[in-house]
Amino acid sequence: MSKILVIAPHPDDETLGCGGTILKHNHHGDQCNWLIMTKISNSTGYSKKKIQKRELEIKKVKRLLSFKNVINFNFETTKLDTIPLSILIKSISEVIKKIKPNILYIPCSSDIHSDHRITSNAVIASSKSFRHNYIKSIREYEVLSETDFSLEISSNKFNPNLWIDISKFLNKKIQVMRTYSSEIQKFPNPRSIKNIKALAINRGCSISCAAAETFRILKQIG
C-alpha cells in the first residue's frame, strides 16, 4: 500500500487535476489524503450560504474519493501571496511528517493562478529527500483554465512525462466533479463537463486508451 497526499490550492483542483488517478489509487488499496490550502470567506466576498455549501461539497468529495484524512489550512483564497513563504513551508512540512506520503500530487508551478504557483513552490521546498526519505515521487497535475491558460514559454511550461490510464474511472470522476456545481459552466467554457471529458480523451489517445490524466514528474526515486 502506498500513501498518497494530494495538495490542492482550492477545493476542485484535486478532482480536475487527478480525480481519476485518486480513484485508481483507491482501487489498488492505496491510502489517499487531501490537503486544501485555502477557504472562501465573507471577507473575500462570499455569502454565508455559499460558504456552507462549500463545506458540504468538501465532505461529499471526501466520501466520493475515499480520502482517509482531509486537512484544511483555511488560508484566504487568492491571498496566498500575502502569507510568508516560511509559514507555508512549515505548515506543509508538518502535514508531510504526520502522513509520511510516498507520492505527492501538487499543482503546476507555471499555472496562471498565483495560489497554484505558490503552493507548488512551497511543497517543493517542504519535501527535501534528506528530511522525508519516504517520499518517492512528486507529480504536478494539470488543471483546466489554470495550467492551459498559462502563457509561460520557458522550459517550466507544463509538459507531461507521465500518463495514467483512467478509462475505468472517468465517469466517476465526472460524478465527483458535479459536486462542485458552481464551478461547472456551459460548453465551450474550459470547465464544462464536455471539455473535462475531452481533455481526458485527448490525453488517453496519446497512449492508446480511452481516457488518461497526465502529470509532470519532478522527482522519482526507484
N, C-alpha and C. Protein backbone atom coordinates (compact mmCIF):
# COMPACT_ATOMS: atom_id res chain seq x y z
N MET A 1 0.83 -1.20 0.00
CA MET A 1 0.00 0.00 0.00
C MET A 1 0.87 1.25 0.00
N SER A 2 0.54 2.17 -0.89
CA SER A 2 1.23 3.46 -0.92
C SER A 2 0.38 4.51 -0.21
N LYS A 3 1.04 5.48 0.39
CA LYS A 3 0.35 6.62 0.99
C LYS A 3 0.45 7.80 0.03
N ILE A 4 -0.70 8.37 -0.26
CA ILE A 4 -0.80 9.45 -1.24
C ILE A 4 -1.21 10.73 -0.53
N LEU A 5 -0.58 11.84 -0.88
CA LEU A 5 -1.01 13.16 -0.40
C LEU A 5 -1.27 14.04 -1.61
N VAL A 6 -2.53 14.45 -1.76
CA VAL A 6 -2.93 15.35 -2.83
C VAL A 6 -3.07 16.75 -2.23
N ILE A 7 -2.33 17.69 -2.78
CA ILE A 7 -2.35 19.06 -2.25
C ILE A 7 -3.05 19.96 -3.26
N ALA A 8 -4.16 20.58 -2.81
CA ALA A 8 -4.99 21.40 -3.69
C ALA A 8 -5.03 22.84 -3.18
N PRO A 9 -4.69 23.80 -4.01
CA PRO A 9 -4.84 25.20 -3.60
C PRO A 9 -6.28 25.53 -3.22
N HIS A 10 -7.23 24.97 -4.00
CA HIS A 10 -8.65 25.20 -3.76
C HIS A 10 -9.39 23.87 -3.93
N PRO A 11 -10.50 23.69 -3.22
CA PRO A 11 -11.33 22.51 -3.48
C PRO A 11 -11.81 22.54 -4.93
N ASP A 12 -11.68 21.47 -5.60
CA ASP A 12 -11.98 21.14 -7.01
C ASP A 12 -10.70 20.92 -7.81
N ASP A 13 -9.57 21.53 -7.39
CA ASP A 13 -8.31 21.28 -8.10
C ASP A 13 -7.93 19.81 -8.05
N GLU A 14 -8.18 19.17 -6.91
CA GLU A 14 -7.84 17.76 -6.75
C GLU A 14 -8.62 16.88 -7.73
N THR A 15 -9.89 17.22 -7.95
CA THR A 15 -10.73 16.41 -8.84
C THR A 15 -10.39 16.70 -10.29
N LEU A 16 -10.28 17.96 -10.65
CA LEU A 16 -9.91 18.32 -12.01
C LEU A 16 -8.54 17.75 -12.38
N GLY A 17 -7.58 17.89 -11.48
CA GLY A 17 -6.20 17.52 -11.80
C GLY A 17 -5.90 16.05 -11.74
N CYS A 18 -6.46 15.35 -10.76
CA CYS A 18 -6.10 13.93 -10.60
C CYS A 18 -7.22 13.09 -9.99
N GLY A 19 -8.48 13.50 -10.22
CA GLY A 19 -9.59 12.74 -9.66
C GLY A 19 -9.62 11.29 -10.09
N GLY A 20 -9.38 11.05 -11.38
CA GLY A 20 -9.37 9.67 -11.87
C GLY A 20 -8.23 8.86 -11.29
N THR A 21 -7.08 9.51 -11.13
CA THR A 21 -5.91 8.84 -10.57
C THR A 21 -6.13 8.51 -9.09
N ILE A 22 -6.79 9.42 -8.36
CA ILE A 22 -7.12 9.14 -6.96
C ILE A 22 -8.02 7.91 -6.87
N LEU A 23 -9.03 7.87 -7.72
CA LEU A 23 -9.93 6.72 -7.74
C LEU A 23 -9.18 5.44 -8.06
N LYS A 24 -8.20 5.52 -8.94
CA LYS A 24 -7.40 4.35 -9.30
C LYS A 24 -6.53 3.92 -8.12
N HIS A 25 -5.96 4.89 -7.40
CA HIS A 25 -5.19 4.55 -6.19
C HIS A 25 -6.08 3.84 -5.19
N ASN A 26 -7.30 4.33 -5.00
CA ASN A 26 -8.23 3.68 -4.08
C ASN A 26 -8.51 2.25 -4.51
N HIS A 27 -8.70 2.06 -5.80
CA HIS A 27 -8.98 0.73 -6.36
C HIS A 27 -7.84 -0.24 -6.05
N HIS A 28 -6.62 0.26 -6.03
CA HIS A 28 -5.45 -0.57 -5.76
C HIS A 28 -5.14 -0.69 -4.27
N GLY A 29 -5.99 -0.12 -3.42
CA GLY A 29 -5.80 -0.27 -1.98
C GLY A 29 -4.87 0.74 -1.35
N ASP A 30 -4.53 1.82 -2.07
CA ASP A 30 -3.66 2.84 -1.51
C ASP A 30 -4.45 3.76 -0.58
N GLN A 31 -3.74 4.44 0.31
CA GLN A 31 -4.36 5.38 1.24
C GLN A 31 -4.19 6.80 0.70
N CYS A 32 -5.31 7.47 0.44
CA CYS A 32 -5.27 8.81 -0.13
C CYS A 32 -5.64 9.86 0.91
N ASN A 33 -4.90 10.95 0.93
CA ASN A 33 -5.10 12.05 1.87
C ASN A 33 -5.16 13.36 1.09
N TRP A 34 -5.87 14.34 1.65
CA TRP A 34 -6.16 15.57 0.91
C TRP A 34 -5.83 16.78 1.77
N LEU A 35 -4.94 17.62 1.27
CA LEU A 35 -4.61 18.89 1.92
C LEU A 35 -5.15 20.03 1.08
N ILE A 36 -6.04 20.84 1.67
CA ILE A 36 -6.61 22.00 0.99
C ILE A 36 -5.95 23.25 1.56
N MET A 37 -5.42 24.08 0.71
CA MET A 37 -4.66 25.23 1.17
C MET A 37 -5.54 26.40 1.61
N THR A 38 -6.67 26.63 0.93
CA THR A 38 -7.43 27.85 1.14
C THR A 38 -8.90 27.59 1.43
N LYS A 39 -9.57 28.65 1.87
CA LYS A 39 -11.01 28.63 2.09
C LYS A 39 -11.63 29.88 1.48
N ILE A 40 -12.95 29.83 1.29
CA ILE A 40 -13.67 31.03 0.93
C ILE A 40 -14.28 31.62 2.20
N SER A 41 -14.48 32.93 2.23
CA SER A 41 -14.97 33.57 3.44
C SER A 41 -15.74 34.84 3.11
N ASN A 42 -16.40 35.39 4.10
CA ASN A 42 -17.12 36.66 3.93
C ASN A 42 -16.18 37.77 3.51
N SER A 43 -14.96 37.75 4.06
CA SER A 43 -14.02 38.83 3.79
C SER A 43 -13.54 38.85 2.34
N THR A 44 -13.70 37.72 1.65
CA THR A 44 -13.33 37.67 0.23
C THR A 44 -14.57 37.69 -0.66
N GLY A 45 -15.71 38.09 -0.08
CA GLY A 45 -16.89 38.35 -0.89
C GLY A 45 -17.87 37.21 -1.05
N TYR A 46 -17.75 36.16 -0.25
CA TYR A 46 -18.65 35.02 -0.37
C TYR A 46 -19.75 35.08 0.69
N SER A 47 -20.94 34.67 0.31
CA SER A 47 -22.07 34.69 1.23
C SER A 47 -21.99 33.51 2.20
N LYS A 48 -22.72 33.63 3.30
CA LYS A 48 -22.78 32.54 4.27
C LYS A 48 -23.32 31.27 3.64
N LYS A 49 -24.30 31.43 2.77
CA LYS A 49 -24.88 30.27 2.08
C LYS A 49 -23.85 29.56 1.21
N LYS A 50 -23.05 30.34 0.47
CA LYS A 50 -22.01 29.77 -0.39
C LYS A 50 -20.93 29.07 0.44
N ILE A 51 -20.58 29.67 1.57
CA ILE A 51 -19.56 29.07 2.44
C ILE A 51 -20.05 27.74 3.00
N GLN A 52 -21.29 27.69 3.43
CA GLN A 52 -21.87 26.44 3.95
C GLN A 52 -21.96 25.39 2.85
N LYS A 53 -22.31 25.82 1.65
CA LYS A 53 -22.38 24.91 0.51
C LYS A 53 -21.01 24.31 0.21
N ARG A 54 -19.97 25.12 0.27
CA ARG A 54 -18.63 24.62 0.00
C ARG A 54 -18.20 23.61 1.06
N GLU A 55 -18.55 23.84 2.31
CA GLU A 55 -18.22 22.88 3.37
C GLU A 55 -18.89 21.54 3.13
N LEU A 56 -20.13 21.57 2.66
CA LEU A 56 -20.84 20.33 2.34
C LEU A 56 -20.22 19.64 1.13
N GLU A 57 -19.78 20.44 0.15
CA GLU A 57 -19.11 19.87 -1.03
C GLU A 57 -17.84 19.13 -0.64
N ILE A 58 -17.05 19.73 0.24
CA ILE A 58 -15.81 19.09 0.68
C ILE A 58 -16.10 17.76 1.37
N LYS A 59 -17.12 17.74 2.21
CA LYS A 59 -17.48 16.49 2.90
C LYS A 59 -17.90 15.41 1.91
N LYS A 60 -18.67 15.81 0.90
CA LYS A 60 -19.13 14.84 -0.09
C LYS A 60 -17.98 14.33 -0.93
N VAL A 61 -17.09 15.23 -1.34
CA VAL A 61 -15.93 14.81 -2.15
C VAL A 61 -15.01 13.90 -1.34
N LYS A 62 -14.85 14.20 -0.06
CA LYS A 62 -14.06 13.32 0.79
C LYS A 62 -14.60 11.90 0.74
N ARG A 63 -15.92 11.78 0.79
CA ARG A 63 -16.54 10.45 0.76
C ARG A 63 -16.39 9.80 -0.62
N LEU A 64 -16.67 10.57 -1.66
CA LEU A 64 -16.63 10.00 -3.01
C LEU A 64 -15.23 9.58 -3.43
N LEU A 65 -14.22 10.33 -2.99
CA LEU A 65 -12.83 10.00 -3.34
C LEU A 65 -12.14 9.19 -2.25
N SER A 66 -12.89 8.82 -1.22
CA SER A 66 -12.39 7.93 -0.15
C SER A 66 -11.11 8.43 0.49
N PHE A 67 -11.04 9.73 0.77
CA PHE A 67 -9.88 10.27 1.45
C PHE A 67 -9.89 9.83 2.91
N LYS A 68 -8.75 9.37 3.39
CA LYS A 68 -8.65 8.99 4.80
C LYS A 68 -8.63 10.23 5.68
N ASN A 69 -7.85 11.21 5.27
CA ASN A 69 -7.72 12.46 6.03
C ASN A 69 -7.94 13.65 5.11
N VAL A 70 -8.59 14.67 5.64
CA VAL A 70 -8.69 15.96 4.94
C VAL A 70 -8.19 17.03 5.89
N ILE A 71 -7.18 17.75 5.46
CA ILE A 71 -6.61 18.84 6.25
C ILE A 71 -6.85 20.14 5.49
N ASN A 72 -7.40 21.14 6.16
CA ASN A 72 -7.64 22.43 5.52
C ASN A 72 -6.92 23.52 6.29
N PHE A 73 -5.98 24.19 5.64
CA PHE A 73 -5.23 25.26 6.29
C PHE A 73 -6.07 26.52 6.48
N ASN A 74 -7.10 26.68 5.67
CA ASN A 74 -8.01 27.83 5.81
C ASN A 74 -7.34 29.19 5.57
N PHE A 75 -6.30 29.21 4.75
CA PHE A 75 -5.79 30.50 4.30
C PHE A 75 -6.81 31.10 3.34
N GLU A 76 -6.83 32.43 3.26
CA GLU A 76 -7.79 33.10 2.38
C GLU A 76 -7.47 32.80 0.91
N THR A 77 -8.50 32.42 0.15
CA THR A 77 -8.29 32.16 -1.26
C THR A 77 -7.85 33.43 -1.99
N THR A 78 -6.99 33.25 -2.97
CA THR A 78 -6.38 34.32 -3.79
C THR A 78 -5.39 35.18 -3.03
N LYS A 79 -5.12 34.82 -1.76
CA LYS A 79 -4.23 35.65 -0.95
C LYS A 79 -3.03 34.90 -0.38
N LEU A 80 -2.69 33.78 -0.99
CA LEU A 80 -1.51 33.06 -0.51
C LEU A 80 -0.25 33.89 -0.66
N ASP A 81 -0.28 34.84 -1.60
CA ASP A 81 0.91 35.68 -1.79
C ASP A 81 1.12 36.66 -0.65
N THR A 82 0.15 36.75 0.27
CA THR A 82 0.30 37.62 1.44
C THR A 82 0.82 36.85 2.66
N ILE A 83 0.93 35.54 2.53
CA ILE A 83 1.41 34.70 3.63
C ILE A 83 2.91 34.50 3.48
N PRO A 84 3.71 34.74 4.52
CA PRO A 84 5.16 34.49 4.40
C PRO A 84 5.42 33.04 3.97
N LEU A 85 6.31 32.88 3.02
CA LEU A 85 6.62 31.55 2.50
C LEU A 85 7.06 30.61 3.61
N SER A 86 7.75 31.14 4.61
CA SER A 86 8.24 30.31 5.71
C SER A 86 7.08 29.66 6.48
N ILE A 87 5.96 30.39 6.60
CA ILE A 87 4.79 29.84 7.28
C ILE A 87 4.16 28.73 6.45
N LEU A 88 4.06 28.94 5.14
CA LEU A 88 3.52 27.91 4.26
C LEU A 88 4.37 26.64 4.30
N ILE A 89 5.67 26.82 4.23
CA ILE A 89 6.59 25.68 4.24
C ILE A 89 6.48 24.91 5.54
N LYS A 90 6.46 25.62 6.66
CA LYS A 90 6.36 24.98 7.96
C LYS A 90 5.04 24.21 8.10
N SER A 91 3.95 24.81 7.65
CA SER A 91 2.64 24.17 7.75
C SER A 91 2.57 22.90 6.91
N ILE A 92 3.06 22.99 5.68
CA ILE A 92 3.06 21.82 4.79
C ILE A 92 3.97 20.73 5.33
N SER A 93 5.14 21.12 5.83
CA SER A 93 6.09 20.15 6.38
C SER A 93 5.49 19.34 7.52
N GLU A 94 4.71 20.01 8.35
CA GLU A 94 4.09 19.32 9.48
C GLU A 94 3.09 18.26 9.02
N VAL A 95 2.35 18.57 7.95
CA VAL A 95 1.41 17.59 7.40
C VAL A 95 2.17 16.42 6.78
N ILE A 96 3.22 16.72 6.06
CA ILE A 96 4.02 15.66 5.44
C ILE A 96 4.62 14.74 6.51
N LYS A 97 5.12 15.31 7.59
CA LYS A 97 5.68 14.50 8.67
C LYS A 97 4.62 13.60 9.30
N LYS A 98 3.41 14.11 9.41
CA LYS A 98 2.33 13.35 10.03
C LYS A 98 1.87 12.19 9.14
N ILE A 99 1.70 12.45 7.86
CA ILE A 99 1.16 11.44 6.95
C ILE A 99 2.23 10.51 6.40
N LYS A 100 3.43 11.05 6.18
CA LYS A 100 4.53 10.29 5.59
C LYS A 100 4.14 9.69 4.23
N PRO A 101 3.77 10.55 3.30
CA PRO A 101 3.31 10.05 1.99
C PRO A 101 4.45 9.52 1.14
N ASN A 102 4.12 8.57 0.28
CA ASN A 102 5.09 8.07 -0.70
C ASN A 102 5.00 8.84 -2.01
N ILE A 103 3.79 9.34 -2.32
CA ILE A 103 3.57 10.08 -3.56
C ILE A 103 2.86 11.39 -3.24
N LEU A 104 3.37 12.48 -3.80
CA LEU A 104 2.74 13.79 -3.68
C LEU A 104 2.18 14.19 -5.03
N TYR A 105 0.94 14.68 -5.04
CA TYR A 105 0.35 15.30 -6.22
C TYR A 105 0.17 16.78 -5.91
N ILE A 106 0.74 17.62 -6.76
CA ILE A 106 0.73 19.06 -6.48
C ILE A 106 0.39 19.84 -7.75
N PRO A 107 -0.08 21.09 -7.62
CA PRO A 107 -0.37 21.89 -8.81
C PRO A 107 0.91 22.26 -9.55
N CYS A 108 0.74 22.66 -10.79
CA CYS A 108 1.89 23.02 -11.62
C CYS A 108 2.44 24.38 -11.24
N SER A 109 3.74 24.48 -11.17
CA SER A 109 4.40 25.72 -10.75
C SER A 109 4.32 26.83 -11.79
N SER A 110 3.82 26.52 -12.99
CA SER A 110 3.65 27.56 -14.01
C SER A 110 2.19 27.89 -14.28
N ASP A 111 1.28 27.41 -13.42
CA ASP A 111 -0.14 27.73 -13.59
C ASP A 111 -0.38 29.24 -13.55
N ILE A 112 -1.47 29.67 -14.15
CA ILE A 112 -1.76 31.09 -14.22
C ILE A 112 -2.17 31.67 -12.87
N HIS A 113 -2.76 30.86 -12.00
CA HIS A 113 -3.25 31.33 -10.70
C HIS A 113 -2.09 31.37 -9.70
N SER A 114 -1.93 32.51 -9.03
CA SER A 114 -0.81 32.66 -8.08
C SER A 114 -0.91 31.66 -6.93
N ASP A 115 -2.12 31.32 -6.48
CA ASP A 115 -2.27 30.32 -5.41
C ASP A 115 -1.65 28.98 -5.81
N HIS A 116 -1.79 28.63 -7.08
CA HIS A 116 -1.23 27.37 -7.57
C HIS A 116 0.30 27.42 -7.57
N ARG A 117 0.84 28.50 -8.10
CA ARG A 117 2.30 28.62 -8.19
C ARG A 117 2.93 28.63 -6.80
N ILE A 118 2.34 29.37 -5.90
CA ILE A 118 2.88 29.47 -4.55
C ILE A 118 2.80 28.13 -3.83
N THR A 119 1.66 27.45 -3.97
CA THR A 119 1.51 26.13 -3.36
C THR A 119 2.57 25.17 -3.86
N SER A 120 2.76 25.13 -5.17
CA SER A 120 3.74 24.23 -5.76
C SER A 120 5.14 24.50 -5.22
N ASN A 121 5.54 25.75 -5.21
CA ASN A 121 6.88 26.11 -4.74
C ASN A 121 7.07 25.81 -3.25
N ALA A 122 6.01 26.03 -2.46
CA ALA A 122 6.10 25.76 -1.02
C ALA A 122 6.21 24.25 -0.76
N VAL A 123 5.49 23.45 -1.52
CA VAL A 123 5.57 21.99 -1.34
C VAL A 123 6.96 21.49 -1.71
N ILE A 124 7.48 21.97 -2.82
CA ILE A 124 8.81 21.53 -3.25
C ILE A 124 9.85 21.85 -2.18
N ALA A 125 9.73 23.03 -1.58
CA ALA A 125 10.67 23.41 -0.52
C ALA A 125 10.45 22.60 0.75
N SER A 126 9.26 22.02 0.90
CA SER A 126 8.92 21.27 2.12
C SER A 126 9.24 19.78 2.02
N SER A 127 9.67 19.33 0.86
CA SER A 127 9.72 17.88 0.62
C SER A 127 11.12 17.37 0.26
N LYS A 128 12.13 17.96 0.87
CA LYS A 128 13.50 17.54 0.58
C LYS A 128 13.73 16.10 1.05
N SER A 129 14.43 15.34 0.23
CA SER A 129 14.60 13.91 0.48
C SER A 129 15.32 13.62 1.79
N PHE A 130 16.28 14.46 2.17
CA PHE A 130 17.02 14.17 3.39
C PHE A 130 16.18 14.38 4.64
N ARG A 131 15.03 15.05 4.49
CA ARG A 131 14.10 15.21 5.62
C ARG A 131 12.94 14.22 5.54
N HIS A 132 12.59 13.82 4.32
CA HIS A 132 11.43 12.96 4.12
C HIS A 132 11.80 11.86 3.12
N ASN A 133 12.57 10.89 3.56
CA ASN A 133 13.05 9.88 2.62
C ASN A 133 11.97 8.90 2.19
N TYR A 134 10.77 9.01 2.77
CA TYR A 134 9.65 8.15 2.36
C TYR A 134 8.96 8.69 1.12
N ILE A 135 9.21 9.95 0.75
CA ILE A 135 8.63 10.49 -0.48
C ILE A 135 9.41 9.95 -1.67
N LYS A 136 8.72 9.18 -2.49
CA LYS A 136 9.38 8.55 -3.63
C LYS A 136 9.02 9.20 -4.97
N SER A 137 7.93 9.97 -4.99
CA SER A 137 7.52 10.58 -6.25
C SER A 137 6.77 11.88 -5.98
N ILE A 138 7.12 12.93 -6.75
CA ILE A 138 6.41 14.20 -6.70
C ILE A 138 5.90 14.47 -8.12
N ARG A 139 4.58 14.65 -8.24
CA ARG A 139 3.96 14.76 -9.54
C ARG A 139 3.08 16.01 -9.63
N GLU A 140 3.33 16.85 -10.62
CA GLU A 140 2.49 18.01 -10.87
C GLU A 140 1.30 17.59 -11.75
N TYR A 141 0.10 18.04 -11.38
CA TYR A 141 -1.08 17.75 -12.20
C TYR A 141 -1.49 19.01 -12.97
N GLU A 142 -2.33 18.81 -13.98
CA GLU A 142 -2.81 19.94 -14.77
C GLU A 142 -4.27 20.22 -14.45
N VAL A 143 -4.61 21.51 -14.41
CA VAL A 143 -5.96 21.95 -14.06
C VAL A 143 -6.50 22.83 -15.18
N LEU A 144 -7.63 22.44 -15.74
CA LEU A 144 -8.25 23.23 -16.80
C LEU A 144 -8.50 24.67 -16.35
N SER A 145 -8.18 25.60 -17.22
CA SER A 145 -8.29 27.06 -17.05
C SER A 145 -7.22 27.62 -16.13
N GLU A 146 -6.32 26.79 -15.67
CA GLU A 146 -5.17 27.26 -14.88
C GLU A 146 -3.86 26.87 -15.58
N THR A 147 -3.67 25.58 -15.79
CA THR A 147 -2.44 25.11 -16.44
C THR A 147 -2.43 25.50 -17.92
N ASP A 148 -3.56 25.29 -18.60
CA ASP A 148 -3.61 25.56 -20.03
C ASP A 148 -3.70 27.05 -20.36
N PHE A 149 -4.05 27.89 -19.38
CA PHE A 149 -4.13 29.33 -19.62
C PHE A 149 -2.80 30.05 -19.36
N SER A 150 -1.83 29.31 -18.88
CA SER A 150 -0.53 29.92 -18.61
C SER A 150 0.14 30.33 -19.92
N LEU A 151 0.76 31.51 -19.93
CA LEU A 151 1.49 31.97 -21.10
C LEU A 151 2.99 31.73 -20.96
N GLU A 152 3.33 30.87 -19.99
CA GLU A 152 4.73 30.51 -19.76
C GLU A 152 5.33 29.93 -21.04
N ILE A 153 6.46 30.49 -21.47
CA ILE A 153 7.09 29.99 -22.70
C ILE A 153 8.47 29.39 -22.42
N SER A 154 8.86 29.36 -21.16
CA SER A 154 10.17 28.81 -20.81
C SER A 154 10.06 27.30 -20.64
N SER A 155 11.15 26.69 -20.24
CA SER A 155 11.17 25.25 -20.02
C SER A 155 10.30 24.83 -18.84
N ASN A 156 9.79 25.81 -18.08
CA ASN A 156 8.95 25.50 -16.93
C ASN A 156 7.50 25.22 -17.32
N LYS A 157 7.13 25.44 -18.57
CA LYS A 157 5.76 25.19 -19.01
C LYS A 157 5.41 23.71 -18.84
N PHE A 158 4.17 23.44 -18.46
CA PHE A 158 3.75 22.06 -18.20
C PHE A 158 3.89 21.19 -19.45
N ASN A 159 4.79 20.23 -19.38
CA ASN A 159 4.96 19.22 -20.41
C ASN A 159 4.93 17.86 -19.72
N PRO A 160 3.84 17.11 -19.87
CA PRO A 160 3.70 15.86 -19.12
C PRO A 160 4.73 14.81 -19.50
N ASN A 161 5.14 14.05 -18.51
CA ASN A 161 6.01 12.91 -18.77
C ASN A 161 5.50 11.64 -18.07
N LEU A 162 4.24 11.72 -17.60
CA LEU A 162 3.58 10.56 -17.01
C LEU A 162 2.12 10.58 -17.42
N TRP A 163 1.66 9.48 -18.02
CA TRP A 163 0.26 9.30 -18.39
C TRP A 163 -0.31 8.16 -17.55
N ILE A 164 -1.46 8.38 -16.92
CA ILE A 164 -2.11 7.34 -16.14
C ILE A 164 -3.48 7.05 -16.76
N ASP A 165 -3.70 5.81 -17.11
CA ASP A 165 -4.94 5.36 -17.73
C ASP A 165 -6.07 5.43 -16.69
N ILE A 166 -7.08 6.27 -16.97
CA ILE A 166 -8.23 6.36 -16.05
C ILE A 166 -9.53 5.96 -16.76
N SER A 167 -9.41 5.15 -17.78
CA SER A 167 -10.57 4.78 -18.58
C SER A 167 -11.72 4.25 -17.73
N LYS A 168 -11.42 3.45 -16.72
CA LYS A 168 -12.44 2.84 -15.88
C LYS A 168 -12.98 3.80 -14.83
N PHE A 169 -12.36 4.97 -14.71
CA PHE A 169 -12.70 5.88 -13.62
C PHE A 169 -13.19 7.25 -14.09
N LEU A 170 -13.24 7.47 -15.40
CA LEU A 170 -13.61 8.79 -15.91
C LEU A 170 -15.05 9.16 -15.52
N ASN A 171 -15.98 8.23 -15.66
CA ASN A 171 -17.37 8.55 -15.32
C ASN A 171 -17.52 8.92 -13.85
N LYS A 172 -16.79 8.22 -12.98
CA LYS A 172 -16.85 8.53 -11.55
C LYS A 172 -16.19 9.89 -11.28
N LYS A 173 -15.13 10.18 -12.00
CA LYS A 173 -14.50 11.50 -11.84
C LYS A 173 -15.50 12.60 -12.19
N ILE A 174 -16.23 12.43 -13.27
CA ILE A 174 -17.23 13.41 -13.68
C ILE A 174 -18.31 13.53 -12.60
N GLN A 175 -18.71 12.41 -12.03
CA GLN A 175 -19.70 12.43 -10.96
C GLN A 175 -19.20 13.25 -9.77
N VAL A 176 -17.94 13.04 -9.41
CA VAL A 176 -17.35 13.80 -8.30
C VAL A 176 -17.30 15.28 -8.64
N MET A 177 -16.89 15.59 -9.87
CA MET A 177 -16.77 16.99 -10.27
C MET A 177 -18.12 17.70 -10.23
N ARG A 178 -19.19 17.00 -10.52
CA ARG A 178 -20.52 17.60 -10.48
C ARG A 178 -20.89 18.08 -9.08
N THR A 179 -20.20 17.58 -8.07
CA THR A 179 -20.42 18.06 -6.70
C THR A 179 -20.16 19.55 -6.61
N TYR A 180 -19.15 20.00 -7.34
CA TYR A 180 -18.82 21.43 -7.37
C TYR A 180 -19.67 22.12 -8.43
N SER A 181 -20.97 22.17 -8.21
CA SER A 181 -21.89 22.63 -9.24
C SER A 181 -21.62 24.06 -9.69
N SER A 182 -21.17 24.92 -8.77
CA SER A 182 -20.93 26.32 -9.13
C SER A 182 -19.68 26.50 -9.98
N GLU A 183 -18.82 25.48 -10.01
CA GLU A 183 -17.59 25.58 -10.79
C GLU A 183 -17.76 25.06 -12.21
N ILE A 184 -18.87 24.38 -12.47
CA ILE A 184 -19.12 23.82 -13.80
C ILE A 184 -19.90 24.83 -14.64
N GLN A 185 -19.39 25.10 -15.82
CA GLN A 185 -20.02 26.06 -16.72
C GLN A 185 -20.47 25.37 -18.01
N LYS A 186 -21.23 26.08 -18.80
CA LYS A 186 -21.71 25.54 -20.07
C LYS A 186 -20.58 25.52 -21.10
N PHE A 187 -20.57 24.52 -21.96
CA PHE A 187 -19.64 24.44 -23.08
C PHE A 187 -19.87 25.66 -23.99
N PRO A 188 -18.82 26.33 -24.49
CA PRO A 188 -17.42 25.91 -24.52
C PRO A 188 -16.54 26.46 -23.40
N ASN A 189 -17.09 26.76 -22.24
CA ASN A 189 -16.25 27.14 -21.11
C ASN A 189 -15.25 26.02 -20.82
N PRO A 190 -14.00 26.35 -20.47
CA PRO A 190 -13.00 25.30 -20.24
C PRO A 190 -13.36 24.33 -19.12
N ARG A 191 -14.19 24.77 -18.16
CA ARG A 191 -14.56 23.87 -17.09
C ARG A 191 -15.96 23.27 -17.28
N SER A 192 -16.34 23.10 -18.52
CA SER A 192 -17.57 22.39 -18.84
C SER A 192 -17.31 20.89 -18.75
N ILE A 193 -18.37 20.14 -18.51
CA ILE A 193 -18.23 18.68 -18.45
C ILE A 193 -17.69 18.14 -19.77
N LYS A 194 -18.17 18.71 -20.86
CA LYS A 194 -17.71 18.25 -22.17
C LYS A 194 -16.21 18.44 -22.34
N ASN A 195 -15.67 19.56 -21.86
CA ASN A 195 -14.24 19.80 -22.00
C ASN A 195 -13.41 18.96 -21.04
N ILE A 196 -13.94 18.71 -19.84
CA ILE A 196 -13.24 17.82 -18.90
C ILE A 196 -13.08 16.44 -19.54
N LYS A 197 -14.16 15.96 -20.15
CA LYS A 197 -14.09 14.66 -20.84
C LYS A 197 -13.15 14.73 -22.03
N ALA A 198 -13.20 15.86 -22.76
CA ALA A 198 -12.37 15.99 -23.96
C ALA A 198 -10.89 15.93 -23.62
N LEU A 199 -10.49 16.59 -22.53
CA LEU A 199 -9.08 16.55 -22.14
C LEU A 199 -8.66 15.13 -21.79
N ALA A 200 -9.52 14.42 -21.04
CA ALA A 200 -9.19 13.04 -20.65
C ALA A 200 -9.09 12.14 -21.88
N ILE A 201 -10.00 12.33 -22.83
CA ILE A 201 -9.97 11.52 -24.05
C ILE A 201 -8.73 11.85 -24.87
N ASN A 202 -8.44 13.14 -25.00
CA ASN A 202 -7.25 13.55 -25.75
C ASN A 202 -5.98 12.98 -25.14
N ARG A 203 -5.86 13.08 -23.82
CA ARG A 203 -4.68 12.53 -23.14
C ARG A 203 -4.63 11.01 -23.29
N GLY A 204 -5.81 10.38 -23.27
CA GLY A 204 -5.85 8.94 -23.44
C GLY A 204 -5.40 8.50 -24.82
N CYS A 205 -5.79 9.24 -25.84
CA CYS A 205 -5.41 8.88 -27.20
C CYS A 205 -3.90 8.90 -27.39
N SER A 206 -3.21 9.68 -26.57
CA SER A 206 -1.74 9.73 -26.67
C SER A 206 -1.10 8.40 -26.29
N ILE A 207 -1.83 7.60 -25.51
CA ILE A 207 -1.28 6.30 -25.08
C ILE A 207 -2.22 5.16 -25.46
N SER A 208 -3.09 5.41 -26.45
CA SER A 208 -3.99 4.40 -27.00
C SER A 208 -4.92 3.79 -25.95
N CYS A 209 -5.50 4.66 -25.11
CA CYS A 209 -6.53 4.22 -24.19
C CYS A 209 -7.68 5.22 -24.23
N ALA A 210 -8.78 4.88 -23.60
CA ALA A 210 -9.99 5.70 -23.72
C ALA A 210 -9.89 7.03 -22.99
N ALA A 211 -9.15 7.07 -21.88
CA ALA A 211 -9.04 8.31 -21.09
C ALA A 211 -7.81 8.25 -20.21
N ALA A 212 -7.19 9.40 -19.99
CA ALA A 212 -5.99 9.45 -19.16
C ALA A 212 -5.88 10.80 -18.48
N GLU A 213 -5.10 10.83 -17.40
CA GLU A 213 -4.65 12.07 -16.78
C GLU A 213 -3.14 12.12 -16.91
N THR A 214 -2.61 13.33 -17.06
CA THR A 214 -1.16 13.46 -17.25
C THR A 214 -0.54 14.28 -16.14
N PHE A 215 0.74 14.01 -15.94
CA PHE A 215 1.48 14.64 -14.85
C PHE A 215 2.90 14.94 -15.31
N ARG A 216 3.52 15.88 -14.60
CA ARG A 216 4.95 16.13 -14.80
C ARG A 216 5.67 15.66 -13.55
N ILE A 217 6.48 14.65 -13.70
CA ILE A 217 7.23 14.11 -12.57
C ILE A 217 8.39 15.05 -12.26
N LEU A 218 8.42 15.55 -11.04
CA LEU A 218 9.54 16.39 -10.59
C LEU A 218 10.61 15.55 -9.91
N LYS A 219 10.18 14.46 -9.30
CA LYS A 219 11.12 13.58 -8.61
C LYS A 219 10.57 12.16 -8.64
N GLN A 220 11.43 11.21 -8.95
CA GLN A 220 11.03 9.80 -8.93
C GLN A 220 12.20 8.99 -8.40
N ILE A 221 12.00 8.37 -7.24
CA ILE A 221 13.05 7.54 -6.65
C ILE A 221 12.63 6.09 -6.74
N GLY A 222 13.44 5.30 -7.43
CA GLY A 222 13.10 3.90 -7.66
C GLY A 222 13.54 3.01 -6.51
